[in-house]
Amino acid sequence: MGWKAAQRLIYHWKILRGDNVMIIRGKDKGGTGIVKRVIHSQNRVLVEGKNLVKKHIKQGQGHEGGIFTVEAPLHVSNVQVLDPVTGKPCKVGIRYMEDGTKVRVSRGIGASGSIIPRPEILKIRTTPRPTVAGPKDTPIDVVLERTYDPKTGMGMPDL
């Protein structure tokens, strides 16, 4: 990627994995689907069951060769999130609730202005957290040990 393309990367994404989107340009225009994957480095998203292309795969060790149908990524400007109330494509805005939580809301012409909920799939981690302490993990008794007393100043290094 050149430096010009790097300048055009989206840094604050409003489309998330698991969002229900409509394709607004391209061969699958008007089709809806769920975002399977977000490719931040290319400003592209993979929509489930849309933008299908034929891929020729050479036979190799452990897999069969042939012509397969796979989903190709779409540019993020060619998809829009669906409004949960009206079911029409809309822009996504950010609002803060009274308690300070950040939420996504639908914006644009014909949008209801309702809150777009975060997809449930985001709560599931792609790589699970380790449950057993590894060899490089610090033991819990060492972590909880008090090494500094703020009243006496004990534990401060002599500078």
C-alpha atoms as a PDB file:
ATOM      1  CA  MET A   1       0.000   0.000   0.000  1.00  0.00           C
ATOM      2  CA  GLY A   2       1.345   3.402  -0.943  1.00  0.00           C
ATOM      3  CA  TRP A   3       1.322   6.448   1.310  1.00  0.00           C
ATOM      4  CA  LYS A   4      -1.629   8.009  -0.573  1.00  0.00           C
ATOM      5  CA  ALA A   5      -3.770   4.914   0.040  1.00  0.00           C
ATOM      6  CA  ALA A   6      -2.691   4.838   3.686  1.00  0.00           C
ATOM      7  CA  GLN A   7      -3.986   8.390   4.118  1.00  0.00           C
ATOM      8  CA  ARG A   8      -7.450   7.291   2.985  1.00  0.00           C
ATOM      9  CA  LEU A   9      -7.838   4.524   5.581  1.00  0.00           C
ATOM     10  CA  ILE A  10     -10.877   4.760   7.849  1.00  0.00           C
ATOM     11  CA  TYR A  11      -9.826   5.077  11.472  1.00  0.00           C
ATOM     12  CA  HIS A  12     -13.246   5.348  13.170  1.00  0.00           C
ATOM     13  CA  TRP A  13     -15.319   2.477  11.795  1.00  0.00           C
ATOM     14  CA  LYS A  14     -19.097   2.667  12.074  1.00  0.00           C
ATOM     15  CA  ILE A  15     -19.757  -0.702  10.408  1.00  0.00           C
ATOM     16  CA  LEU A  16     -19.029  -3.619  12.729  1.00  0.00           C
ATOM     17  CA  ARG A  17     -18.796  -7.383  12.332  1.00  0.00           C
ATOM     18  CA  GLY A  18     -22.311  -8.824  12.664  1.00  0.00           C
ATOM     19  CA  ASP A  19     -24.130  -5.715  11.361  1.00  0.00           C
ATOM     20  CA  ASN A  20     -27.049  -6.131   8.967  1.00  0.00           C
ATOM     21  CA  VAL A  21     -26.110  -4.161   5.814  1.00  0.00           C
ATOM     22  CA  MET A  22     -27.504  -3.447   2.350  1.00  0.00           C
ATOM     23  CA  ILE A  23     -25.299  -3.330  -0.740  1.00  0.00           C
ATOM     24  CA  ILE A  24     -25.928  -0.011  -2.493  1.00  0.00           C
ATOM     25  CA  ARG A  25     -23.564  -0.406  -5.491  1.00  0.00           C
ATOM     26  CA  GLY A  26     -22.258  -3.264  -7.613  1.00  0.00           C
ATOM     27  CA  LYS A  27     -23.616  -6.484  -9.045  1.00  0.00           C
ATOM     28  CA  ASP A  28     -25.486  -7.400  -5.829  1.00  0.00           C
ATOM     29  CA  LYS A  29     -27.096  -3.949  -5.464  1.00  0.00           C
ATOM     30  CA  GLY A  30     -30.166  -4.061  -3.206  1.00  0.00           C
ATOM     31  CA  GLY A  31     -29.145  -7.299  -1.494  1.00  0.00           C
ATOM     32  CA  THR A  32     -28.864  -7.500   2.266  1.00  0.00           C
ATOM     33  CA  GLY A  33     -26.583  -9.605   4.412  1.00  0.00           C
ATOM     34  CA  ILE A  34     -24.590  -9.794   7.610  1.00  0.00           C
ATOM     35  CA  VAL A  35     -21.005  -8.532   7.804  1.00  0.00           C
ATOM     36  CA  LYS A  36     -18.800 -11.585   8.271  1.00  0.00           C
ATOM     37  CA  ARG A  37     -15.429  -9.828   8.502  1.00  0.00           C
ATOM     38  CA  VAL A  38     -14.068  -6.268   8.496  1.00  0.00           C
ATOM     39  CA  ILE A  39     -10.713  -5.743   6.751  1.00  0.00           C
ATOM     40  CA  HIS A  40      -9.428  -2.475   8.251  1.00  0.00           C
ATOM     41  CA  SER A  41      -6.215  -2.382   6.203  1.00  0.00           C
ATOM     42  CA  GLN A  42      -8.156  -2.280   2.903  1.00  0.00           C
ATOM     43  CA  ASN A  43     -11.364  -0.409   3.926  1.00  0.00           C
ATOM     44  CA  ARG A  44     -13.361  -3.499   2.918  1.00  0.00           C
ATOM     45  CA  VAL A  45     -16.010  -5.760   4.415  1.00  0.00           C
ATOM     46  CA  LEU A  46     -16.993  -9.363   3.695  1.00  0.00           C
ATOM     47  CA  VAL A  47     -20.784  -9.806   3.470  1.00  0.00           C
ATOM     48  CA  GLU A  48     -22.222 -13.275   4.010  1.00  0.00           C
ATOM     49  CA  GLY A  49     -23.438 -14.831   0.736  1.00  0.00           C
ATOM     50  CA  LYS A  50     -22.873 -11.709  -1.419  1.00  0.00           C
ATOM     51  CA  ASN A  51     -20.333 -10.678  -4.081  1.00  0.00           C
ATOM     52  CA  LEU A  52     -19.632 -14.300  -5.005  1.00  0.00           C
ATOM     53  CA  VAL A  53     -16.743 -14.934  -7.411  1.00  0.00           C
ATOM     54  CA  LYS A  54     -15.233 -18.066  -8.945  1.00  0.00           C
ATOM     55  CA  LYS A  55     -11.769 -18.890  -7.645  1.00  0.00           C
ATOM     56  CA  HIS A  56      -9.440 -21.391  -9.324  1.00  0.00           C
ATOM     57  CA  ILE A  57      -7.476 -23.288  -6.692  1.00  0.00           C
ATOM     58  CA  LYS A  58      -4.565 -25.524  -7.603  1.00  0.00           C
ATOM     59  CA  GLN A  59      -4.474 -28.983  -6.061  1.00  0.00           C
ATOM     60  CA  GLY A  60      -2.018 -29.252  -3.212  1.00  0.00           C
ATOM     61  CA  GLN A  61      -0.989 -31.471  -0.385  1.00  0.00           C
ATOM     62  CA  GLY A  62      -3.998 -32.121   1.840  1.00  0.00           C
ATOM     63  CA  HIS A  63      -6.639 -30.335  -0.281  1.00  0.00           C
ATOM     64  CA  GLU A  64      -8.506 -30.866  -3.522  1.00  0.00           C
ATOM     65  CA  GLY A  65      -8.137 -28.489  -6.470  1.00  0.00           C
ATOM     66  CA  GLY A  66     -10.847 -27.058  -8.704  1.00  0.00           C
ATOM     67  CA  ILE A  67     -13.111 -24.051  -9.217  1.00  0.00           C
ATOM     68  CA  PHE A  68     -14.775 -22.794  -6.053  1.00  0.00           C
ATOM     69  CA  THR A  69     -17.303 -20.030  -5.383  1.00  0.00           C
ATOM     70  CA  VAL A  70     -16.083 -17.689  -2.634  1.00  0.00           C
ATOM     71  CA  GLU A  71     -17.189 -14.335  -1.191  1.00  0.00           C
ATOM     72  CA  ALA A  72     -15.066 -11.384  -2.281  1.00  0.00           C
ATOM     73  CA  PRO A  73     -14.697  -8.284  -0.089  1.00  0.00           C
ATOM     74  CA  LEU A  74     -16.714  -5.148  -0.879  1.00  0.00           C
ATOM     75  CA  HIS A  75     -15.483  -1.600  -0.372  1.00  0.00           C
ATOM     76  CA  VAL A  76     -17.032  -0.024   2.716  1.00  0.00           C
ATOM     77  CA  SER A  77     -18.490   2.843   0.633  1.00  0.00           C
ATOM     78  CA  ASN A  78     -20.652   0.326  -1.257  1.00  0.00           C
ATOM     79  CA  VAL A  79     -22.566  -0.883   1.818  1.00  0.00           C
ATOM     80  CA  GLN A  80     -24.842   0.847   4.339  1.00  0.00           C
ATOM     81  CA  VAL A  81     -26.166  -0.305   7.701  1.00  0.00           C
ATOM     82  CA  LEU A  82     -29.903  -1.070   7.783  1.00  0.00           C
ATOM     83  CA  ASP A  83     -32.139   0.999  10.070  1.00  0.00           C
ATOM     84  CA  PRO A  84     -33.573  -1.423  12.677  1.00  0.00           C
ATOM     85  CA  VAL A  85     -37.012   0.288  12.616  1.00  0.00           C
ATOM     86  CA  THR A  86     -37.615   1.121   8.936  1.00  0.00           C
ATOM     87  CA  GLY A  87     -35.405  -1.564   7.379  1.00  0.00           C
ATOM     88  CA  LYS A  88     -33.934   0.962   4.913  1.00  0.00           C
ATOM     89  CA  PRO A  89     -30.230   1.774   4.505  1.00  0.00           C
ATOM     90  CA  CYS A  90     -29.054   4.709   6.601  1.00  0.00           C
ATOM     91  CA  LYS A  91     -25.949   6.529   7.748  1.00  0.00           C
ATOM     92  CA  VAL A  92     -24.594   5.838  11.218  1.00  0.00           C
ATOM     93  CA  GLY A  93     -24.109   8.558  13.824  1.00  0.00           C
ATOM     94  CA  ILE A  94     -22.714   8.499  17.343  1.00  0.00           C
ATOM     95  CA  ARG A  95     -24.632   9.818  20.368  1.00  0.00           C
ATOM     96  CA  TYR A  96     -23.989   9.759  24.099  1.00  0.00           C
ATOM     97  CA  MET A  97     -26.761   8.688  26.471  1.00  0.00           C
ATOM     98  CA  GLU A  98     -27.512  10.446  29.781  1.00  0.00           C
ATOM     99  CA  ASP A  99     -25.421   7.887  31.676  1.00  0.00           C
ATOM    100  CA  GLY A 100     -22.423   8.539  29.370  1.00  0.00           C
ATOM    101  CA  THR A 101     -22.555   5.379  27.261  1.00  0.00           C
ATOM    102  CA  LYS A 102     -21.759   5.752  23.565  1.00  0.00           C
ATOM    103  CA  VAL A 103     -24.389   4.375  21.143  1.00  0.00           C
ATOM    104  CA  ARG A 104     -24.823   4.264  17.374  1.00  0.00           C
ATOM    105  CA  VAL A 105     -27.945   5.926  15.939  1.00  0.00           C
ATOM    106  CA  SER A 106     -29.450   5.928  12.439  1.00  0.00           C
ATOM    107  CA  ARG A 107     -29.075   9.174  10.469  1.00  0.00           C
ATOM    108  CA  GLY A 108     -30.042  10.468   7.048  1.00  0.00           C
ATOM    109  CA  ILE A 109     -33.145  10.932   4.910  1.00  0.00           C
ATOM    110  CA  GLY A 110     -35.945   8.580   5.956  1.00  0.00           C
ATOM    111  CA  ALA A 111     -34.046   7.328   9.003  1.00  0.00           C
ATOM    112  CA  SER A 112     -35.905   6.842  12.268  1.00  0.00           C
ATOM    113  CA  GLY A 113     -33.106   8.123  14.505  1.00  0.00           C
ATOM    114  CA  SER A 114     -33.310   4.957  16.607  1.00  0.00           C
ATOM    115  CA  ILE A 115     -30.424   3.256  18.371  1.00  0.00           C
ATOM    116  CA  ILE A 116     -28.549   0.631  16.322  1.00  0.00           C
ATOM    117  CA  PRO A 117     -27.630  -2.123  18.798  1.00  0.00           C
ATOM    118  CA  ARG A 118     -24.142  -3.617  18.952  1.00  0.00           C
ATOM    119  CA  PRO A 119     -24.090  -7.084  17.373  1.00  0.00           C
ATOM    120  CA  GLU A 120     -24.127 -10.001  19.833  1.00  0.00           C
ATOM    121  CA  ILE A 121     -21.294 -11.717  17.938  1.00  0.00           C
ATOM    122  CA  LEU A 122     -18.858  -9.036  19.172  1.00  0.00           C
ATOM    123  CA  LYS A 123     -19.264 -10.317  22.741  1.00  0.00           C
ATOM    124  CA  ILE A 124     -17.838 -13.682  21.679  1.00  0.00           C
ATOM    125  CA  ARG A 125     -14.040 -13.594  21.546  1.00  0.00           C
ATOM    126  CA  THR A 126     -12.411 -15.064  18.437  1.00  0.00           C
ATOM    127  CA  THR A 127      -9.562 -16.435  20.556  1.00  0.00           C
ATOM    128  CA  PRO A 128     -10.670 -17.522  24.051  1.00  0.00           C
ATOM    129  CA  ARG A 129      -8.823 -16.218  27.084  1.00  0.00           C
ATOM    130  CA  PRO A 130      -6.508 -18.747  28.721  1.00  0.00           C
ATOM    131  CA  THR A 131      -7.961 -20.247  31.913  1.00  0.00           C
ATOM    132  CA  VAL A 132      -4.749 -21.865  33.185  1.00  0.00           C
ATOM    133  CA  ALA A 133      -1.777 -19.727  34.201  1.00  0.00           C
ATOM    134  CA  GLY A 134       1.146 -20.125  31.847  1.00  0.00           C
ATOM    135  CA  PRO A 135       4.895 -20.156  32.626  1.00  0.00           C
ATOM    136  CA  LYS A 136       5.250 -16.408  31.967  1.00  0.00           C
ATOM    137  CA  ASP A 137       2.208 -15.346  34.057  1.00  0.00           C
ATOM    138  CA  THR A 138       2.892 -13.601  37.373  1.00  0.00           C
ATOM    139  CA  PRO A 139       1.515 -15.524  40.393  1.00  0.00           C
ATOM    140  CA  ILE A 140      -1.490 -13.877  42.104  1.00  0.00           C
ATOM    141  CA  ASP A 141       0.227 -13.611  45.518  1.00  0.00           C
ATOM    142  CA  VAL A 142       3.064 -11.558  43.967  1.00  0.00           C
ATOM    143  CA  VAL A 143       0.544  -9.309  42.201  1.00  0.00           C
ATOM    144  CA  LEU A 144      -1.410  -8.588  45.401  1.00  0.00           C
ATOM    145  CA  GLU A 145       1.725  -7.940  47.517  1.00  0.00           C
ATOM    146  CA  ARG A 146       1.914  -4.333  48.775  1.00  0.00           C
ATOM    147  CA  THR A 147       5.284  -2.868  47.876  1.00  0.00           C
ATOM    148  CA  TYR A 148       4.613   0.829  48.571  1.00  0.00           C
ATOM    149  CA  ASP A 149       3.104   2.601  51.567  1.00  0.00           C
ATOM    150  CA  PRO A 150       1.883   6.115  50.603  1.00  0.00           C
ATOM    151  CA  LYS A 151       1.866   7.476  54.207  1.00  0.00           C
ATOM    152  CA  THR A 152       5.454   6.608  55.114  1.00  0.00           C
ATOM    153  CA  GLY A 153       6.909   6.600  51.627  1.00  0.00           C
ATOM    154  CA  MET A 154       8.396   3.155  52.200  1.00  0.00           C
ATOM    155  CA  GLY A 155       9.109   1.280  49.021  1.00  0.00           C
ATOM    156  CA  MET A 156      10.216   4.290  46.957  1.00  0.00           C
ATOM    157  CA  PRO A 157      13.585   3.913  45.286  1.00  0.00           C
ATOM    158  CA  ASP A 158      16.369   6.255  46.353  1.00  0.00           C
ATOM    159  CA  LEU A 159      16.992   8.605  43.464  1.00  0.00           C
END
